[in-house]
mmCIF file of all heavy atoms, coordinates in Angstrom:
data_MODEL
# 
_entry.id   MODEL 
# 
loop_
_atom_site.group_PDB 
_atom_site.id 
_atom_site.type_symbol 
_atom_site.label_atom_id 
_atom_site.label_alt_id 
_atom_site.label_comp_id 
_atom_site.label_asym_id 
_atom_site.label_entity_id 
_atom_site.label_seq_id 
_atom_site.pdbx_PDB_ins_code 
_atom_site.Cartn_x 
_atom_site.Cartn_y 
_atom_site.Cartn_z 
_atom_site.occupancy 
_atom_site.B_iso_or_equiv 
_atom_site.pdbx_formal_charge 
_atom_site.auth_seq_id 
_atom_site.auth_comp_id 
_atom_site.auth_asym_id 
_atom_site.auth_atom_id 
_atom_site.pdbx_PDB_model_num 
ATOM 1   N N   . VAL A 1 1  ? 0.832  -1.217 0.037   1.00 0.00 ? 1  VAL A N   1 
ATOM 2   C CA  . VAL A 1 1  ? 0.039  0.023  -0.012  1.00 0.00 ? 1  VAL A CA  1 
ATOM 3   C C   . VAL A 1 1  ? 0.900  1.249  -0.029  1.00 0.00 ? 1  VAL A C   1 
ATOM 4   O O   . VAL A 1 1  ? 1.788  1.371  0.817   1.00 0.00 ? 1  VAL A O   1 
ATOM 5   C CB  . VAL A 1 1  ? -0.953 0.005  1.239   1.00 0.00 ? 1  VAL A CB  1 
ATOM 6   C CG1 . VAL A 1 1  ? -1.727 1.309  1.283   1.00 0.00 ? 1  VAL A CG1 1 
ATOM 7   C CG2 . VAL A 1 1  ? -1.827 -1.184 1.210   1.00 0.00 ? 1  VAL A CG2 1 
ATOM 8   N N   . VAL A 1 2  ? 0.586  2.217  -0.923  1.00 0.00 ? 2  VAL A N   1 
ATOM 9   C CA  . VAL A 1 2  ? 1.431  3.403  -1.003  1.00 0.00 ? 2  VAL A CA  1 
ATOM 10  C C   . VAL A 1 2  ? 1.325  4.229  0.293   1.00 0.00 ? 2  VAL A C   1 
ATOM 11  O O   . VAL A 1 2  ? 0.186  4.501  0.706   1.00 0.00 ? 2  VAL A O   1 
ATOM 12  C CB  . VAL A 1 2  ? 0.967  4.288  -2.170  1.00 0.00 ? 2  VAL A CB  1 
ATOM 13  C CG1 . VAL A 1 2  ? 1.707  5.615  -2.188  1.00 0.00 ? 2  VAL A CG1 1 
ATOM 14  C CG2 . VAL A 1 2  ? 1.185  3.544  -3.452  1.00 0.00 ? 2  VAL A CG2 1 
ATOM 15  N N   . HIS A 1 3  ? 2.467  4.532  0.875   1.00 0.00 ? 3  HIS A N   1 
ATOM 16  C CA  . HIS A 1 3  ? 2.418  5.182  2.203   1.00 0.00 ? 3  HIS A CA  1 
ATOM 17  C C   . HIS A 1 3  ? 3.393  6.277  2.394   1.00 0.00 ? 3  HIS A C   1 
ATOM 18  O O   . HIS A 1 3  ? 3.300  7.036  3.322   1.00 0.00 ? 3  HIS A O   1 
ATOM 19  C CB  . HIS A 1 3  ? 2.746  4.048  3.269   1.00 0.00 ? 3  HIS A CB  1 
ATOM 20  C CG  . HIS A 1 3  ? 2.598  4.531  4.685   1.00 0.00 ? 3  HIS A CG  1 
ATOM 21  N ND1 . HIS A 1 3  ? 1.360  4.948  5.234   1.00 0.00 ? 3  HIS A ND1 1 
ATOM 22  C CD2 . HIS A 1 3  ? 3.527  4.686  5.630   1.00 0.00 ? 3  HIS A CD2 1 
ATOM 23  C CE1 . HIS A 1 3  ? 1.550  5.324  6.509   1.00 0.00 ? 3  HIS A CE1 1 
ATOM 24  N NE2 . HIS A 1 3  ? 2.846  5.163  6.754   1.00 0.00 ? 3  HIS A NE2 1 
ATOM 25  N N   . MET A 1 4  ? 4.358  6.419  1.501   1.00 0.00 ? 4  MET A N   1 
ATOM 26  C CA  . MET A 1 4  ? 5.357  7.462  1.583   1.00 0.00 ? 4  MET A CA  1 
ATOM 27  C C   . MET A 1 4  ? 5.715  7.971  0.257   1.00 0.00 ? 4  MET A C   1 
ATOM 28  O O   . MET A 1 4  ? 5.471  7.352  -0.789  1.00 0.00 ? 4  MET A O   1 
ATOM 29  C CB  . MET A 1 4  ? 6.654  6.951  2.244   1.00 0.00 ? 4  MET A CB  1 
ATOM 30  C CG  . MET A 1 4  ? 6.590  6.500  3.711   1.00 0.00 ? 4  MET A CG  1 
ATOM 31  S SD  . MET A 1 4  ? 8.212  5.892  4.320   1.00 0.00 ? 4  MET A SD  1 
ATOM 32  C CE  . MET A 1 4  ? 7.659  5.174  5.866   1.00 0.00 ? 4  MET A CE  1 
ATOM 33  N N   . VAL A 1 5  ? 6.348  9.173  0.206   1.00 0.00 ? 5  VAL A N   1 
ATOM 34  C CA  . VAL A 1 5  ? 6.882  9.808  -0.997  1.00 0.00 ? 5  VAL A CA  1 
ATOM 35  C C   . VAL A 1 5  ? 8.362  10.050 -0.804  1.00 0.00 ? 5  VAL A C   1 
ATOM 36  O O   . VAL A 1 5  ? 8.718  10.634 0.218   1.00 0.00 ? 5  VAL A O   1 
ATOM 37  C CB  . VAL A 1 5  ? 6.139  11.139 -1.362  1.00 0.00 ? 5  VAL A CB  1 
ATOM 38  C CG1 . VAL A 1 5  ? 6.745  11.746 -2.578  1.00 0.00 ? 5  VAL A CG1 1 
ATOM 39  C CG2 . VAL A 1 5  ? 4.648  10.850 -1.625  1.00 0.00 ? 5  VAL A CG2 1 
ATOM 40  N N   . ILE A 1 6  ? 9.186  9.620  -1.709  1.00 0.00 ? 6  ILE A N   1 
ATOM 41  C CA  . ILE A 1 6  ? 10.600 9.868  -1.602  1.00 0.00 ? 6  ILE A CA  1 
ATOM 42  C C   . ILE A 1 6  ? 11.052 10.913 -2.629  1.00 0.00 ? 6  ILE A C   1 
ATOM 43  O O   . ILE A 1 6  ? 10.686 10.821 -3.834  1.00 0.00 ? 6  ILE A O   1 
ATOM 44  C CB  . ILE A 1 6  ? 11.394 8.534  -1.881  1.00 0.00 ? 6  ILE A CB  1 
ATOM 45  C CG1 . ILE A 1 6  ? 11.035 7.505  -0.831  1.00 0.00 ? 6  ILE A CG1 1 
ATOM 46  C CG2 . ILE A 1 6  ? 12.904 8.811  -1.893  1.00 0.00 ? 6  ILE A CG2 1 
ATOM 47  C CD1 . ILE A 1 6  ? 11.753 6.190  -0.988  1.00 0.00 ? 6  ILE A CD1 1 
ATOM 48  N N   . ILE A 1 7  ? 11.758 11.951 -2.159  1.00 0.00 ? 7  ILE A N   1 
ATOM 49  C CA  . ILE A 1 7  ? 12.222 13.041 -2.957  1.00 0.00 ? 7  ILE A CA  1 
ATOM 50  C C   . ILE A 1 7  ? 13.581 12.792 -3.427  1.00 0.00 ? 7  ILE A C   1 
ATOM 51  O O   . ILE A 1 7  ? 14.517 12.555 -2.596  1.00 0.00 ? 7  ILE A O   1 
ATOM 52  C CB  . ILE A 1 7  ? 12.135 14.364 -2.159  1.00 0.00 ? 7  ILE A CB  1 
ATOM 53  C CG1 . ILE A 1 7  ? 10.660 14.602 -1.615  1.00 0.00 ? 7  ILE A CG1 1 
ATOM 54  C CG2 . ILE A 1 7  ? 12.610 15.576 -2.961  1.00 0.00 ? 7  ILE A CG2 1 
ATOM 55  C CD1 . ILE A 1 7  ? 9.615  14.675 -2.746  1.00 0.00 ? 7  ILE A CD1 1 
ATOM 56  N N   . HIS A 1 8  ? 13.841 12.970 -4.730  1.00 0.00 ? 8  HIS A N   1 
ATOM 57  C CA  . HIS A 1 8  ? 15.147 12.730 -5.318  1.00 0.00 ? 8  HIS A CA  1 
ATOM 58  C C   . HIS A 1 8  ? 15.582 13.964 -6.165  1.00 0.00 ? 8  HIS A C   1 
ATOM 59  O O   . HIS A 1 8  ? 14.731 14.738 -6.559  1.00 0.00 ? 8  HIS A O   1 
ATOM 60  C CB  . HIS A 1 8  ? 15.071 11.558 -6.368  1.00 0.00 ? 8  HIS A CB  1 
ATOM 61  C CG  . HIS A 1 8  ? 14.640 10.280 -5.826  1.00 0.00 ? 8  HIS A CG  1 
ATOM 62  N ND1 . HIS A 1 8  ? 15.459 9.194  -5.623  1.00 0.00 ? 8  HIS A ND1 1 
ATOM 63  C CD2 . HIS A 1 8  ? 13.338 9.819  -5.542  1.00 0.00 ? 8  HIS A CD2 1 
ATOM 64  C CE1 . HIS A 1 8  ? 14.713 8.121  -5.216  1.00 0.00 ? 8  HIS A CE1 1 
ATOM 65  N NE2 . HIS A 1 8  ? 13.430 8.491  -5.150  1.00 0.00 ? 8  HIS A NE2 1 
ATOM 66  N N   . THR A 1 9  ? 16.819 14.068 -6.424  1.00 0.00 ? 9  THR A N   1 
ATOM 67  C CA  . THR A 1 9  ? 17.342 14.877 -7.554  1.00 0.00 ? 9  THR A CA  1 
ATOM 68  C C   . THR A 1 9  ? 18.044 14.020 -8.560  1.00 0.00 ? 9  THR A C   1 
ATOM 69  O O   . THR A 1 9  ? 18.677 12.991 -8.246  1.00 0.00 ? 9  THR A O   1 
ATOM 70  C CB  . THR A 1 9  ? 18.348 15.991 -7.021  1.00 0.00 ? 9  THR A CB  1 
ATOM 71  O OG1 . THR A 1 9  ? 19.308 15.378 -6.221  1.00 0.00 ? 9  THR A OG1 1 
ATOM 72  C CG2 . THR A 1 9  ? 17.648 17.090 -6.237  1.00 0.00 ? 9  THR A CG2 1 
ATOM 73  N N   . CYS A 1 10 ? 17.883 14.378 -9.845  1.00 0.00 ? 10 CYS A N   1 
ATOM 74  C CA  . CYS A 1 10 ? 18.362 13.561 -10.944 1.00 0.00 ? 10 CYS A CA  1 
ATOM 75  C C   . CYS A 1 10 ? 19.921 13.512 -11.022 1.00 0.00 ? 10 CYS A C   1 
ATOM 76  O O   . CYS A 1 10 ? 20.445 12.617 -11.672 1.00 0.00 ? 10 CYS A O   1 
ATOM 77  C CB  . CYS A 1 10 ? 17.835 14.074 -12.240 1.00 0.00 ? 10 CYS A CB  1 
ATOM 78  S SG  . CYS A 1 10 ? 16.048 13.936 -12.486 1.00 0.00 ? 10 CYS A SG  1 
ATOM 79  N N   . GLU A 1 11 ? 20.570 14.512 -10.425 1.00 0.00 ? 11 GLU A N   1 
ATOM 80  C CA  . GLU A 1 11 ? 22.021 14.703 -10.651 1.00 0.00 ? 11 GLU A CA  1 
ATOM 81  C C   . GLU A 1 11 ? 22.289 14.856 -12.179 1.00 0.00 ? 11 GLU A C   1 
ATOM 82  O O   . GLU A 1 11 ? 23.283 14.414 -12.680 1.00 0.00 ? 11 GLU A O   1 
ATOM 83  C CB  . GLU A 1 11 ? 22.841 13.521 -10.089 1.00 0.00 ? 11 GLU A CB  1 
ATOM 84  C CG  . GLU A 1 11 ? 22.593 13.275 -8.622  1.00 0.00 ? 11 GLU A CG  1 
ATOM 85  C CD  . GLU A 1 11 ? 22.863 14.563 -7.797  1.00 0.00 ? 11 GLU A CD  1 
ATOM 86  O OE1 . GLU A 1 11 ? 23.965 15.114 -7.885  1.00 0.00 ? 11 GLU A OE1 1 
ATOM 87  O OE2 . GLU A 1 11 ? 21.985 15.013 -7.107  1.00 0.00 ? 11 GLU A OE2 1 
ATOM 88  N N   . GLY A 1 12 ? 21.373 15.631 -12.784 1.00 0.00 ? 12 GLY A N   1 
ATOM 89  C CA  . GLY A 1 12 ? 21.481 15.932 -14.132 1.00 0.00 ? 12 GLY A CA  1 
ATOM 90  C C   . GLY A 1 12 ? 20.264 16.794 -14.561 1.00 0.00 ? 12 GLY A C   1 
ATOM 91  O O   . GLY A 1 12 ? 19.414 17.130 -13.703 1.00 0.00 ? 12 GLY A O   1 
ATOM 92  N N   . SER A 1 13 ? 20.170 17.076 -15.891 1.00 0.00 ? 13 SER A N   1 
ATOM 93  C CA  . SER A 1 13 ? 19.034 17.874 -16.330 1.00 0.00 ? 13 SER A CA  1 
ATOM 94  C C   . SER A 1 13 ? 17.819 17.061 -16.447 1.00 0.00 ? 13 SER A C   1 
ATOM 95  O O   . SER A 1 13 ? 17.796 15.783 -16.513 1.00 0.00 ? 13 SER A O   1 
ATOM 96  C CB  . SER A 1 13 ? 19.373 18.443 -17.723 1.00 0.00 ? 13 SER A CB  1 
ATOM 97  O OG  . SER A 1 13 ? 19.398 17.447 -18.710 1.00 0.00 ? 13 SER A OG  1 
ATOM 98  N N   . TYR A 1 14 ? 16.615 17.710 -16.533 1.00 0.00 ? 14 TYR A N   1 
ATOM 99  C CA  . TYR A 1 14 ? 15.367 17.072 -16.605 1.00 0.00 ? 14 TYR A CA  1 
ATOM 100 C C   . TYR A 1 14 ? 15.269 16.135 -17.813 1.00 0.00 ? 14 TYR A C   1 
ATOM 101 O O   . TYR A 1 14 ? 14.859 14.961 -17.656 1.00 0.00 ? 14 TYR A O   1 
ATOM 102 C CB  . TYR A 1 14 ? 14.269 18.188 -16.708 1.00 0.00 ? 14 TYR A CB  1 
ATOM 103 C CG  . TYR A 1 14 ? 12.920 17.719 -17.117 1.00 0.00 ? 14 TYR A CG  1 
ATOM 104 C CD1 . TYR A 1 14 ? 12.099 16.967 -16.290 1.00 0.00 ? 14 TYR A CD1 1 
ATOM 105 C CD2 . TYR A 1 14 ? 12.382 18.043 -18.429 1.00 0.00 ? 14 TYR A CD2 1 
ATOM 106 C CE1 . TYR A 1 14 ? 10.831 16.558 -16.670 1.00 0.00 ? 14 TYR A CE1 1 
ATOM 107 C CE2 . TYR A 1 14 ? 11.162 17.684 -18.806 1.00 0.00 ? 14 TYR A CE2 1 
ATOM 108 C CZ  . TYR A 1 14 ? 10.376 16.952 -17.947 1.00 0.00 ? 14 TYR A CZ  1 
ATOM 109 O OH  . TYR A 1 14 ? 9.114  16.509 -18.314 1.00 0.00 ? 14 TYR A OH  1 
ATOM 110 N N   . THR A 1 15 ? 15.669 16.628 -19.015 1.00 0.00 ? 15 THR A N   1 
ATOM 111 C CA  . THR A 1 15 ? 15.514 15.795 -20.162 1.00 0.00 ? 15 THR A CA  1 
ATOM 112 C C   . THR A 1 15 ? 16.433 14.580 -20.133 1.00 0.00 ? 15 THR A C   1 
ATOM 113 O O   . THR A 1 15 ? 16.055 13.465 -20.507 1.00 0.00 ? 15 THR A O   1 
ATOM 114 C CB  . THR A 1 15 ? 15.789 16.612 -21.434 1.00 0.00 ? 15 THR A CB  1 
ATOM 115 O OG1 . THR A 1 15 ? 14.869 17.728 -21.508 1.00 0.00 ? 15 THR A OG1 1 
ATOM 116 C CG2 . THR A 1 15 ? 15.584 15.788 -22.700 1.00 0.00 ? 15 THR A CG2 1 
ATOM 117 N N   . SER A 1 16 ? 17.647 14.747 -19.680 1.00 0.00 ? 16 SER A N   1 
ATOM 118 C CA  . SER A 1 16 ? 18.546 13.628 -19.607 1.00 0.00 ? 16 SER A CA  1 
ATOM 119 C C   . SER A 1 16 ? 18.028 12.599 -18.567 1.00 0.00 ? 16 SER A C   1 
ATOM 120 O O   . SER A 1 16 ? 18.267 11.384 -18.690 1.00 0.00 ? 16 SER A O   1 
ATOM 121 C CB  . SER A 1 16 ? 19.984 14.064 -19.242 1.00 0.00 ? 16 SER A CB  1 
ATOM 122 O OG  . SER A 1 16 ? 20.042 14.577 -17.927 1.00 0.00 ? 16 SER A OG  1 
ATOM 123 N N   . CYS A 1 17 ? 17.349 13.117 -17.576 1.00 0.00 ? 17 CYS A N   1 
ATOM 124 C CA  . CYS A 1 17 ? 16.790 12.237 -16.522 1.00 0.00 ? 17 CYS A CA  1 
ATOM 125 C C   . CYS A 1 17 ? 15.687 11.323 -17.037 1.00 0.00 ? 17 CYS A C   1 
ATOM 126 O O   . CYS A 1 17 ? 15.798 10.089 -16.961 1.00 0.00 ? 17 CYS A O   1 
ATOM 127 C CB  . CYS A 1 17 ? 16.293 13.114 -15.368 1.00 0.00 ? 17 CYS A CB  1 
ATOM 128 S SG  . CYS A 1 17 ? 15.897 12.224 -13.884 1.00 0.00 ? 17 CYS A SG  1 
ATOM 129 N N   . TRP A 1 18 ? 14.643 11.932 -17.577 1.00 0.00 ? 18 TRP A N   1 
ATOM 130 C CA  . TRP A 1 18 ? 13.539 11.089 -18.036 1.00 0.00 ? 18 TRP A CA  1 
ATOM 131 C C   . TRP A 1 18 ? 13.927 10.227 -19.214 1.00 0.00 ? 18 TRP A C   1 
ATOM 132 O O   . TRP A 1 18 ? 13.400 9.104  -19.370 1.00 0.00 ? 18 TRP A O   1 
ATOM 133 C CB  . TRP A 1 18 ? 12.264 11.906 -18.340 1.00 0.00 ? 18 TRP A CB  1 
ATOM 134 C CG  . TRP A 1 18 ? 12.287 12.872 -19.468 1.00 0.00 ? 18 TRP A CG  1 
ATOM 135 C CD1 . TRP A 1 18 ? 12.336 14.234 -19.449 1.00 0.00 ? 18 TRP A CD1 1 
ATOM 136 C CD2 . TRP A 1 18 ? 12.205 12.580 -20.905 1.00 0.00 ? 18 TRP A CD2 1 
ATOM 137 N NE1 . TRP A 1 18 ? 12.342 14.800 -20.692 1.00 0.00 ? 18 TRP A NE1 1 
ATOM 138 C CE2 . TRP A 1 18 ? 12.244 13.792 -21.622 1.00 0.00 ? 18 TRP A CE2 1 
ATOM 139 C CE3 . TRP A 1 18 ? 12.158 11.334 -21.619 1.00 0.00 ? 18 TRP A CE3 1 
ATOM 140 C CZ2 . TRP A 1 18 ? 12.209 13.836 -23.059 1.00 0.00 ? 18 TRP A CZ2 1 
ATOM 141 C CZ3 . TRP A 1 18 ? 12.155 11.441 -23.008 1.00 0.00 ? 18 TRP A CZ3 1 
ATOM 142 C CH2 . TRP A 1 18 ? 12.176 12.627 -23.701 1.00 0.00 ? 18 TRP A CH2 1 
ATOM 143 N N   . SER A 1 19 ? 14.817 10.709 -20.092 1.00 0.00 ? 19 SER A N   1 
ATOM 144 C CA  . SER A 1 19 ? 15.160 9.898  -21.222 1.00 0.00 ? 19 SER A CA  1 
ATOM 145 C C   . SER A 1 19 ? 15.981 8.674  -20.805 1.00 0.00 ? 19 SER A C   1 
ATOM 146 O O   . SER A 1 19 ? 15.903 7.606  -21.458 1.00 0.00 ? 19 SER A O   1 
ATOM 147 C CB  . SER A 1 19 ? 15.964 10.737 -22.234 1.00 0.00 ? 19 SER A CB  1 
ATOM 148 O OG  . SER A 1 19 ? 17.177 11.238 -21.704 1.00 0.00 ? 19 SER A OG  1 
ATOM 149 N N   . TRP A 1 20 ? 16.769 8.817  -19.760 1.00 0.00 ? 20 TRP A N   1 
ATOM 150 C CA  . TRP A 1 20 ? 17.508 7.651  -19.215 1.00 0.00 ? 20 TRP A CA  1 
ATOM 151 C C   . TRP A 1 20 ? 16.606 6.669  -18.542 1.00 0.00 ? 20 TRP A C   1 
ATOM 152 O O   . TRP A 1 20 ? 16.669 5.419  -18.714 1.00 0.00 ? 20 TRP A O   1 
ATOM 153 C CB  . TRP A 1 20 ? 18.655 8.121  -18.339 1.00 0.00 ? 20 TRP A CB  1 
ATOM 154 C CG  . TRP A 1 20 ? 19.443 6.968  -17.691 1.00 0.00 ? 20 TRP A CG  1 
ATOM 155 C CD1 . TRP A 1 20 ? 19.563 6.706  -16.352 1.00 0.00 ? 20 TRP A CD1 1 
ATOM 156 C CD2 . TRP A 1 20 ? 20.219 5.939  -18.393 1.00 0.00 ? 20 TRP A CD2 1 
ATOM 157 N NE1 . TRP A 1 20 ? 20.355 5.567  -16.168 1.00 0.00 ? 20 TRP A NE1 1 
ATOM 158 C CE2 . TRP A 1 20 ? 20.761 5.116  -17.396 1.00 0.00 ? 20 TRP A CE2 1 
ATOM 159 C CE3 . TRP A 1 20 ? 20.498 5.671  -19.705 1.00 0.00 ? 20 TRP A CE3 1 
ATOM 160 C CZ2 . TRP A 1 20 ? 21.528 3.996  -17.694 1.00 0.00 ? 20 TRP A CZ2 1 
ATOM 161 C CZ3 . TRP A 1 20 ? 21.278 4.570  -20.021 1.00 0.00 ? 20 TRP A CZ3 1 
ATOM 162 C CH2 . TRP A 1 20 ? 21.816 3.775  -18.997 1.00 0.00 ? 20 TRP A CH2 1 
ATOM 163 N N   . LEU A 1 21 ? 15.639 7.218  -17.733 1.00 0.00 ? 21 LEU A N   1 
ATOM 164 C CA  . LEU A 1 21 ? 14.817 6.317  -16.975 1.00 0.00 ? 21 LEU A CA  1 
ATOM 165 C C   . LEU A 1 21 ? 13.735 5.602  -17.823 1.00 0.00 ? 21 LEU A C   1 
ATOM 166 O O   . LEU A 1 21 ? 13.053 4.715  -17.258 1.00 0.00 ? 21 LEU A O   1 
ATOM 167 C CB  . LEU A 1 21 ? 14.096 7.173  -15.870 1.00 0.00 ? 21 LEU A CB  1 
ATOM 168 C CG  . LEU A 1 21 ? 15.078 7.699  -14.766 1.00 0.00 ? 21 LEU A CG  1 
ATOM 169 C CD1 . LEU A 1 21 ? 14.273 8.462  -13.704 1.00 0.00 ? 21 LEU A CD1 1 
ATOM 170 C CD2 . LEU A 1 21 ? 15.888 6.544  -14.139 1.00 0.00 ? 21 LEU A CD2 1 
ATOM 171 N N   . THR A 1 22 ? 13.611 6.027  -19.042 1.00 0.00 ? 22 THR A N   1 
ATOM 172 C CA  . THR A 1 22 ? 12.703 5.257  -19.963 1.00 0.00 ? 22 THR A CA  1 
ATOM 173 C C   . THR A 1 22 ? 13.440 4.338  -20.856 1.00 0.00 ? 22 THR A C   1 
ATOM 174 O O   . THR A 1 22 ? 12.873 3.718  -21.737 1.00 0.00 ? 22 THR A O   1 
ATOM 175 C CB  . THR A 1 22 ? 11.903 6.271  -20.801 1.00 0.00 ? 22 THR A CB  1 
ATOM 176 O OG1 . THR A 1 22 ? 12.762 7.166  -21.494 1.00 0.00 ? 22 THR A OG1 1 
ATOM 177 C CG2 . THR A 1 22 ? 10.938 7.114  -19.975 1.00 0.00 ? 22 THR A CG2 1 
ATOM 178 N N   . ASN A 1 23 ? 14.712 4.128  -20.569 1.00 0.00 ? 23 ASN A N   1 
ATOM 179 C CA  . ASN A 1 23 ? 15.602 3.228  -21.299 1.00 0.00 ? 23 ASN A CA  1 
ATOM 180 C C   . ASN A 1 23 ? 15.740 1.929  -20.534 1.00 0.00 ? 23 ASN A C   1 
ATOM 181 O O   . ASN A 1 23 ? 16.029 1.861  -19.306 1.00 0.00 ? 23 ASN A O   1 
ATOM 182 C CB  . ASN A 1 23 ? 16.962 3.905  -21.480 1.00 0.00 ? 23 ASN A CB  1 
ATOM 183 C CG  . ASN A 1 23 ? 17.955 3.109  -22.315 1.00 0.00 ? 23 ASN A CG  1 
ATOM 184 O OD1 . ASN A 1 23 ? 17.910 1.891  -22.411 1.00 0.00 ? 23 ASN A OD1 1 
ATOM 185 N ND2 . ASN A 1 23 ? 18.858 3.853  -22.943 1.00 0.00 ? 23 ASN A ND2 1 
ATOM 186 N N   . THR A 1 24 ? 15.548 0.817  -21.173 1.00 0.00 ? 24 THR A N   1 
ATOM 187 C CA  . THR A 1 24 ? 15.684 -0.475 -20.493 1.00 0.00 ? 24 THR A CA  1 
ATOM 188 C C   . THR A 1 24 ? 17.029 -0.709 -19.859 1.00 0.00 ? 24 THR A C   1 
ATOM 189 O O   . THR A 1 24 ? 17.179 -1.438 -18.891 1.00 0.00 ? 24 THR A O   1 
ATOM 190 C CB  . THR A 1 24 ? 15.396 -1.686 -21.447 1.00 0.00 ? 24 THR A CB  1 
ATOM 191 O OG1 . THR A 1 24 ? 16.259 -1.570 -22.584 1.00 0.00 ? 24 THR A OG1 1 
ATOM 192 C CG2 . THR A 1 24 ? 13.931 -1.655 -21.912 1.00 0.00 ? 24 THR A CG2 1 
ATOM 193 N N   . GLN A 1 25 ? 18.074 -0.095 -20.475 1.00 0.00 ? 25 GLN A N   1 
ATOM 194 C CA  . GLN A 1 25 ? 19.472 -0.230 -19.918 1.00 0.00 ? 25 GLN A CA  1 
ATOM 195 C C   . GLN A 1 25 ? 19.583 0.397  -18.514 1.00 0.00 ? 25 GLN A C   1 
ATOM 196 O O   . GLN A 1 25 ? 20.442 0.009  -17.759 1.00 0.00 ? 25 GLN A O   1 
ATOM 197 C CB  . GLN A 1 25 ? 20.429 0.329  -20.849 1.00 0.00 ? 25 GLN A CB  1 
ATOM 198 C CG  . GLN A 1 25 ? 20.576 -0.344 -22.207 1.00 0.00 ? 25 GLN A CG  1 
ATOM 199 C CD  . GLN A 1 25 ? 21.596 0.326  -23.161 1.00 0.00 ? 25 GLN A CD  1 
ATOM 200 O OE1 . GLN A 1 25 ? 22.369 1.114  -22.670 1.00 0.00 ? 25 GLN A OE1 1 
ATOM 201 N NE2 . GLN A 1 25 ? 21.543 -0.027 -24.391 1.00 0.00 ? 25 GLN A NE2 1 
ATOM 202 N N   . ALA A 1 26 ? 18.750 1.301  -18.188 1.00 0.00 ? 26 ALA A N   1 
ATOM 203 C CA  . ALA A 1 26 ? 18.856 2.023  -16.954 1.00 0.00 ? 26 ALA A CA  1 
ATOM 204 C C   . ALA A 1 26 ? 18.611 1.096  -15.771 1.00 0.00 ? 26 ALA A C   1 
ATOM 205 O O   . ALA A 1 26 ? 19.235 1.282  -14.660 1.00 0.00 ? 26 ALA A O   1 
ATOM 206 C CB  . ALA A 1 26 ? 17.927 3.226  -16.921 1.00 0.00 ? 26 ALA A CB  1 
ATOM 207 N N   . GLN A 1 27 ? 17.662 0.218  -15.891 1.00 0.00 ? 27 GLN A N   1 
ATOM 208 C CA  . GLN A 1 27 ? 17.230 -0.669 -14.769 1.00 0.00 ? 27 GLN A CA  1 
ATOM 209 C C   . GLN A 1 27 ? 16.849 0.171  -13.540 1.00 0.00 ? 27 GLN A C   1 
ATOM 210 O O   . GLN A 1 27 ? 17.157 -0.185 -12.441 1.00 0.00 ? 27 GLN A O   1 
ATOM 211 C CB  . GLN A 1 27 ? 18.339 -1.691 -14.463 1.00 0.00 ? 27 GLN A CB  1 
ATOM 212 C CG  . GLN A 1 27 ? 18.479 -2.755 -15.504 1.00 0.00 ? 27 GLN A CG  1 
ATOM 213 C CD  . GLN A 1 27 ? 17.243 -3.637 -15.665 1.00 0.00 ? 27 GLN A CD  1 
ATOM 214 O OE1 . GLN A 1 27 ? 16.845 -4.386 -14.754 1.00 0.00 ? 27 GLN A OE1 1 
ATOM 215 N NE2 . GLN A 1 27 ? 16.505 -3.482 -16.804 1.00 0.00 ? 27 GLN A NE2 1 
ATOM 216 N N   . ALA A 1 28 ? 16.327 1.315  -13.814 1.00 0.00 ? 28 ALA A N   1 
ATOM 217 C CA  . ALA A 1 28 ? 15.903 2.254  -12.776 1.00 0.00 ? 28 ALA A CA  1 
ATOM 218 C C   . ALA A 1 28 ? 14.748 3.083  -13.356 1.00 0.00 ? 28 ALA A C   1 
ATOM 219 O O   . ALA A 1 28 ? 14.589 3.220  -14.530 1.00 0.00 ? 28 ALA A O   1 
ATOM 220 C CB  . ALA A 1 28 ? 16.988 3.160  -12.304 1.00 0.00 ? 28 ALA A CB  1 
# 
């Protein structure tokens, strides 16, 4: 059951972040 929210920073730009996280190689 969803119970918490975790706040992160990408350690990079927005576009580089979402484009990496939608890549199967990222495993994240």
